[in-house]
Amino acid sequence: MVYVLIPAHNGKDDVLRLLGCLGEQAYREFKIVLMDDGSTDGTATAVARTFPDVTVLRGNGRLWWTGAIVCAVTHILRGANEDDSILLLNNDLTIDRDYVGQLVEASRAHGRCLVGSTNVDADNPRSMHAGVWMDNRLRLTVNSDEAVIRGGGIDDHVDVLPGRGTLIPVEVFNTIGGFNARKLPHYGADYEFSIRARRAGFRLIVSHRARVYARRAVTGFDIPDKGRLSIKESMTLLCSTKSKTNARYFLTYVWLCSNDDVRIRNTLAAAMALVTRIVLRTGPLYPLYLMGRSIRRLGGRGARAMGGP
């Protein structure tokens, strides 16, 4: 049995669209659990009316992504068997009719491993990525080779898996525990969980045939593509839970995901990156940022003059 877990906070139309896709699946051995975390747009009511077989759990509106996943997984594990799986799906996705079946087939064929999906831009179907590699400094490389991906098959050289369409065998939760909602409430918890699973000996793969379609809208706060930042902007970037550069959670993510031999180095480098990219661009400190950028440019010219890259 596959338990399809969908976290939602509003987005009623998206949720109904995804549930409609699930209703058309060729593979039928699944149950759907919607974790509705305090929606105010009538999501839970609409789902109960249109899809009465869906289990709807209610949150208080303050769970964030990871908390919603933890609550729903706890509920699912009470009734799940060891040979069951949990499929994480974001509520803003659409999927093909053979999607769930492709994930199940890939997991069974490769020793009940964790299986991620190929992500396709719904507005530009030629833009797709399938598989993420991570180096020792946590820098990411994404497989976006359209020819390879369209050839089908799997990618078994994968270091992390996102929460946007990943099938996880129940035994993974029983072995390593759940997602870390206390330390990573919104961003990074999916990568940290998959890294923990890999370290425990579970395989990570991506199926090129199991595809999710999403519009590539930014859902959190990213650093603005401009020069000077206001104090308010900087505080939001460094302190808001919705920010991908929240200082507390970002540095925690780096610490947890780094290998032991580079953990301190990576965390210090991440802290310096926050200082350089945000703090020094704030209000009266902006001249220091410009000065540092000029020095780095001069250093680069010197390296080239001496035969450097």
Protein backbone atom coordinates (compact mmCIF):
# COMPACT_ATOMS: atom_id res chain seq x y z
CA MET A 1 0.00 0.00 0.00
CA VAL A 2 1.17 3.52 -0.83
CA TYR A 3 0.05 6.37 1.42
CA VAL A 4 0.02 9.58 -0.62
CA LEU A 5 0.75 12.48 1.75
CA ILE A 6 -0.19 15.99 0.59
CA PRO A 7 0.53 18.97 2.88
CA ALA A 8 -1.57 22.05 2.19
CA HIS A 9 -2.07 25.56 3.49
CA ASN A 10 -4.73 27.08 1.22
CA GLY A 11 -4.37 26.49 -2.52
CA LYS A 12 -7.77 24.80 -2.80
CA ASP A 13 -7.85 24.72 -6.61
CA ASP A 14 -4.36 23.21 -6.79
CA VAL A 15 -5.28 20.55 -4.24
CA LEU A 16 -8.44 19.57 -6.13
CA ARG A 17 -6.52 19.41 -9.40
CA LEU A 18 -3.90 17.08 -7.91
CA LEU A 19 -6.56 14.87 -6.34
CA GLY A 20 -8.21 14.65 -9.74
CA CYS A 21 -4.92 13.40 -11.21
CA LEU A 22 -4.63 10.81 -8.45
CA GLY A 23 -8.16 9.64 -9.21
CA GLU A 24 -7.06 8.76 -12.75
CA GLN A 25 -4.04 6.64 -11.75
CA ALA A 26 -3.69 3.23 -13.35
CA TYR A 27 -2.08 1.89 -10.15
CA ARG A 28 -4.80 1.80 -7.48
CA GLU A 29 -3.14 0.45 -4.32
CA PHE A 30 -2.93 3.77 -2.51
CA LYS A 31 -4.68 5.87 0.09
CA ILE A 32 -4.56 9.67 0.24
CA VAL A 33 -3.90 11.71 3.38
CA LEU A 34 -4.28 15.49 3.14
CA MET A 35 -2.63 17.47 5.93
CA ASP A 36 -4.59 20.73 5.91
CA ASP A 37 -2.65 23.14 8.09
CA GLY A 38 -5.12 25.88 8.90
CA SER A 39 -6.39 26.66 5.40
CA THR A 40 -8.82 29.57 5.28
CA ASP A 41 -10.02 29.11 1.69
CA GLY A 42 -12.28 26.11 2.30
CA THR A 43 -9.76 23.49 1.16
CA ALA A 44 -10.81 20.84 3.71
CA THR A 45 -14.52 21.32 3.04
CA ALA A 46 -14.09 21.14 -0.74
CA VAL A 47 -11.97 17.99 -0.49
CA ALA A 48 -14.43 16.27 1.87
CA ARG A 49 -17.28 17.09 -0.51
CA THR A 50 -15.56 16.15 -3.78
CA PHE A 51 -13.22 13.36 -2.64
CA PRO A 52 -14.84 11.70 0.39
CA ASP A 53 -12.31 8.83 0.44
CA VAL A 54 -9.45 11.22 1.24
CA THR A 55 -8.40 11.34 4.89
CA VAL A 56 -8.18 14.99 5.95
CA LEU A 57 -6.06 15.89 8.98
CA ARG A 58 -6.22 19.38 10.48
CA GLY A 59 -3.36 21.54 11.73
CA ASN A 60 -3.33 24.81 13.62
CA GLY A 61 -1.82 26.87 10.78
CA ARG A 62 1.61 27.02 12.40
CA LEU A 63 3.06 23.64 11.45
CA TRP A 64 5.02 24.84 8.40
CA TRP A 65 6.04 22.23 5.83
CA THR A 66 8.05 19.92 8.06
CA GLY A 67 5.60 19.97 10.95
CA ALA A 68 2.76 19.09 8.60
CA ILE A 69 4.75 16.16 7.20
CA VAL A 70 5.66 14.91 10.69
CA CYS A 71 2.03 15.01 11.89
CA ALA A 72 0.76 13.15 8.83
CA VAL A 73 3.56 10.55 8.87
CA THR A 74 2.86 9.87 12.57
CA HIS A 75 -0.80 9.27 11.69
CA ILE A 76 0.07 7.01 8.74
CA LEU A 77 2.59 4.88 10.63
CA ARG A 78 -0.04 3.90 13.21
CA GLY A 79 -1.77 1.77 10.58
CA ALA A 80 0.96 1.08 8.01
CA ASN A 81 2.75 -2.21 7.47
CA GLU A 82 6.48 -2.65 7.02
CA ASP A 83 6.10 -3.27 3.28
CA ASP A 84 4.07 -0.07 2.71
CA SER A 85 5.44 3.24 1.42
CA ILE A 86 4.70 6.95 1.86
CA LEU A 87 4.65 9.24 -1.17
CA LEU A 88 5.28 12.93 -0.51
CA LEU A 89 3.55 15.26 -2.99
CA ASN A 90 3.36 19.03 -2.90
CA ASN A 91 -0.17 20.33 -3.38
CA ASP A 92 0.70 22.45 -6.46
CA LEU A 93 1.67 19.54 -8.74
CA THR A 94 0.02 17.61 -11.55
CA ILE A 95 1.03 14.08 -12.55
CA ASP A 96 0.67 11.54 -15.36
CA ARG A 97 -1.71 8.55 -15.17
CA ASP A 98 1.14 6.07 -14.63
CA TYR A 99 2.99 8.22 -12.09
CA VAL A 100 2.41 6.26 -8.87
CA GLY A 101 2.91 2.95 -10.64
CA GLN A 102 6.26 4.06 -12.06
CA LEU A 103 7.52 5.00 -8.59
CA VAL A 104 6.40 1.70 -7.08
CA GLU A 105 7.94 -0.30 -9.91
CA ALA A 106 11.27 1.53 -9.56
CA SER A 107 11.37 1.06 -5.80
CA ARG A 108 10.63 -2.67 -6.02
CA ALA A 109 13.15 -3.22 -8.81
CA HIS A 110 15.92 -1.60 -6.79
CA GLY A 111 15.49 -3.10 -3.36
CA ARG A 112 12.78 -0.80 -1.94
CA CYS A 113 14.91 2.29 -2.19
CA LEU A 114 13.77 5.91 -1.93
CA VAL A 115 12.59 7.08 -5.35
CA GLY A 116 12.44 10.69 -6.44
CA SER A 117 10.58 12.15 -9.41
CA THR A 118 11.57 13.98 -12.55
CA ASN A 119 10.45 17.60 -12.19
CA VAL A 120 9.05 19.24 -15.33
CA ASP A 121 8.22 22.91 -15.79
CA ALA A 122 4.51 22.94 -16.67
CA ASP A 123 4.98 26.14 -18.69
CA ASN A 124 8.04 24.84 -20.54
CA PRO A 125 8.00 21.01 -20.79
CA ARG A 126 11.51 20.92 -22.25
CA SER A 127 12.81 22.29 -18.96
CA MET A 128 13.20 19.35 -16.60
CA HIS A 129 15.53 18.07 -13.94
CA ALA A 130 16.01 14.62 -12.51
CA GLY A 131 18.61 13.96 -9.84
CA VAL A 132 20.74 16.21 -7.66
CA TRP A 133 24.38 15.68 -6.76
CA MET A 134 25.99 17.38 -3.78
CA ASP A 135 29.71 17.90 -3.23
CA ASN A 136 31.59 18.15 0.06
CA ARG A 137 30.77 21.85 0.33
CA LEU A 138 27.04 21.17 -0.19
CA ARG A 139 27.11 22.73 -3.65
CA LEU A 140 24.40 21.24 -5.85
CA THR A 141 24.53 20.02 -9.44
CA VAL A 142 21.21 19.20 -11.09
CA ASN A 143 20.78 16.71 -13.92
CA SER A 144 18.88 18.68 -16.57
CA ASP A 145 20.00 16.70 -19.65
CA GLU A 146 16.74 16.48 -21.60
CA ALA A 147 17.96 13.73 -23.94
CA VAL A 148 19.05 11.48 -21.07
CA ILE A 149 15.88 12.11 -19.07
CA ARG A 150 13.55 11.47 -22.01
CA GLY A 151 15.38 8.20 -22.60
CA GLY A 152 13.69 6.82 -19.51
CA GLY A 153 15.30 4.62 -16.90
CA ILE A 154 16.62 5.79 -13.57
CA ASP A 155 19.40 7.93 -12.14
CA ASP A 156 21.10 6.06 -9.30
CA HIS A 157 23.88 8.60 -8.75
CA VAL A 158 21.80 10.78 -6.46
CA ASP A 159 22.88 12.44 -3.22
CA VAL A 160 19.64 14.09 -2.06
CA LEU A 161 15.91 13.95 -2.79
CA PRO A 162 13.38 16.79 -2.45
CA GLY A 163 9.95 16.50 -0.86
CA ARG A 164 8.32 17.27 -4.21
CA GLY A 165 7.42 13.76 -5.30
CA THR A 166 9.45 11.19 -3.35
CA LEU A 167 8.41 7.64 -2.47
CA ILE A 168 9.77 6.50 0.91
CA PRO A 169 9.47 2.92 2.20
CA VAL A 170 8.04 2.70 5.73
CA GLU A 171 11.16 0.90 6.97
CA VAL A 172 13.16 4.08 6.35
CA PHE A 173 11.11 5.93 8.97
CA ASN A 174 11.33 2.97 11.34
CA THR A 175 15.12 2.97 10.97
CA ILE A 176 16.16 6.64 10.98
CA GLY A 177 13.13 8.40 12.47
CA GLY A 178 11.17 11.22 10.87
CA PHE A 179 11.76 14.67 9.45
CA ASN A 180 13.41 17.21 11.75
CA ALA A 181 10.64 19.73 12.38
CA ARG A 182 12.33 21.29 15.42
CA LYS A 183 15.59 22.22 13.70
CA LEU A 184 14.35 22.61 10.11
CA PRO A 185 10.69 23.68 10.16
CA HIS A 186 10.27 24.69 6.53
CA TYR A 187 13.31 24.47 4.24
CA GLY A 188 16.06 21.86 4.06
CA ALA A 189 14.31 19.11 6.01
CA ASP A 190 13.73 17.02 2.87
CA TYR A 191 17.41 17.09 1.88
CA GLU A 192 18.53 16.43 5.46
CA PHE A 193 16.17 13.43 5.73
CA SER A 194 17.39 11.89 2.48
CA ILE A 195 21.03 12.41 3.46
CA ARG A 196 20.33 10.69 6.78
CA ALA A 197 18.69 7.81 4.91
CA ARG A 198 21.68 7.49 2.57
CA ARG A 199 24.08 7.47 5.51
CA ALA A 200 22.00 4.65 7.04
CA GLY A 201 22.51 2.54 3.91
CA PHE A 202 19.32 3.19 1.94
CA ARG A 203 19.65 3.83 -1.81
CA LEU A 204 18.39 7.04 -3.42
CA ILE A 205 17.34 7.01 -7.07
CA VAL A 206 15.26 9.16 -9.43
CA SER A 207 12.84 7.71 -11.96
CA HIS A 208 12.90 9.48 -15.31
CA ARG A 209 9.48 8.05 -16.14
CA ALA A 210 7.75 9.29 -12.97
CA ARG A 211 7.18 12.97 -13.67
CA VAL A 212 5.63 15.78 -11.70
CA TYR A 213 4.65 19.05 -13.36
CA ALA A 214 4.87 22.38 -11.57
CA ARG A 215 5.04 26.04 -12.37
CA ARG A 216 8.43 27.24 -11.19
CA ALA A 217 7.14 29.97 -8.93
CA VAL A 218 9.24 31.01 -5.94
CA THR A 219 7.39 30.11 -2.76
CA GLY A 220 9.76 31.61 -0.20
CA PHE A 221 11.90 34.69 0.27
CA ASP A 222 15.07 34.79 -1.84
CA ILE A 223 17.79 37.44 -1.79
CA PRO A 224 16.66 40.25 -4.14
CA ASP A 225 18.67 40.71 -7.31
CA LYS A 226 19.70 44.27 -6.55
CA GLY A 227 22.38 46.19 -4.69
CA ARG A 228 21.52 47.78 -1.37
CA LEU A 229 19.05 46.09 1.00
CA SER A 230 16.90 47.88 3.54
CA ILE A 231 17.13 46.90 7.19
CA LYS A 232 13.63 45.44 6.96
CA GLU A 233 14.58 43.32 3.94
CA SER A 234 17.68 42.02 5.67
CA MET A 235 15.81 41.15 8.86
CA THR A 236 13.20 39.27 6.82
CA LEU A 237 15.86 37.33 4.92
CA LEU A 238 17.77 36.42 8.07
CA CYS A 239 14.90 35.81 10.50
CA SER A 240 11.66 34.79 8.71
CA THR A 241 10.77 31.10 8.67
CA LYS A 242 9.66 31.59 5.05
CA SER A 243 13.17 32.71 4.09
CA LYS A 244 15.60 30.26 2.55
CA THR A 245 18.42 32.27 4.15
CA ASN A 246 17.05 32.29 7.69
CA ALA A 247 20.36 32.38 9.59
CA ARG A 248 19.41 29.92 12.31
CA TYR A 249 17.88 27.28 10.07
CA PHE A 250 20.30 27.69 7.16
CA LEU A 251 23.35 27.20 9.37
CA THR A 252 21.64 24.26 11.10
CA TYR A 253 21.00 22.70 7.69
CA VAL A 254 24.66 23.09 6.72
CA TRP A 255 25.82 21.61 10.04
CA LEU A 256 23.51 18.58 9.81
CA CYS A 257 24.14 17.82 6.14
CA SER A 258 27.92 18.22 6.11
CA ASN A 259 30.28 15.30 6.59
CA ASP A 260 32.11 15.23 9.90
CA ASP A 261 35.49 16.25 8.47
CA VAL A 262 34.16 19.42 6.83
CA ARG A 263 31.28 20.35 9.14
CA ILE A 264 32.99 23.27 10.89
CA ARG A 265 34.52 24.58 7.66
CA ASN A 266 31.21 24.47 5.80
CA THR A 267 29.27 26.14 8.61
CA LEU A 268 31.80 28.98 8.90
CA ALA A 269 31.75 29.43 5.12
CA ALA A 270 27.94 29.54 5.15
CA ALA A 271 27.97 32.14 7.92
CA MET A 272 30.41 34.28 5.95
CA ALA A 273 28.20 33.97 2.88
CA LEU A 274 25.23 35.35 4.84
CA VAL A 275 27.38 38.24 6.06
CA THR A 276 28.64 39.01 2.57
CA ARG A 277 25.38 38.57 0.66
CA ILE A 278 22.99 40.15 3.18
CA VAL A 279 24.52 41.92 6.19
CA LEU A 280 27.09 43.96 4.25
CA ARG A 281 24.46 44.97 1.70
CA THR A 282 22.26 46.50 4.39
CA GLY A 283 21.82 50.26 4.57
CA PRO A 284 24.94 52.04 5.92
CA LEU A 285 27.12 48.92 5.52
CA TYR A 286 26.65 48.83 1.74
CA PRO A 287 29.89 50.78 0.99
CA LEU A 288 31.84 47.98 2.73
CA TYR A 289 30.17 45.47 0.42
CA LEU A 290 31.18 47.52 -2.65
CA MET A 291 34.72 47.84 -1.36
CA GLY A 292 34.99 44.08 -0.81
CA ARG A 293 33.64 43.38 -4.28
CA SER A 294 36.21 45.72 -5.81
CA ILE A 295 39.01 44.00 -3.92
CA ARG A 296 37.84 40.59 -5.11
CA ARG A 297 37.75 41.84 -8.71
CA LEU A 298 41.28 43.19 -8.42
CA GLY A 299 42.41 39.90 -6.95
CA GLY A 300 40.88 38.05 -9.88
CA ARG A 301 42.67 40.27 -12.38
CA GLY A 302 45.94 39.67 -10.56
CA ALA A 303 45.46 35.93 -10.74
CA ARG A 304 44.81 36.09 -14.48
CA ALA A 305 47.88 38.31 -14.97
CA MET A 306 50.00 35.65 -13.23
CA GLY A 307 48.62 32.87 -15.40
CA GLY A 308 45.77 31.80 -13.10
CA PRO A 309 42.41 30.55 -14.35
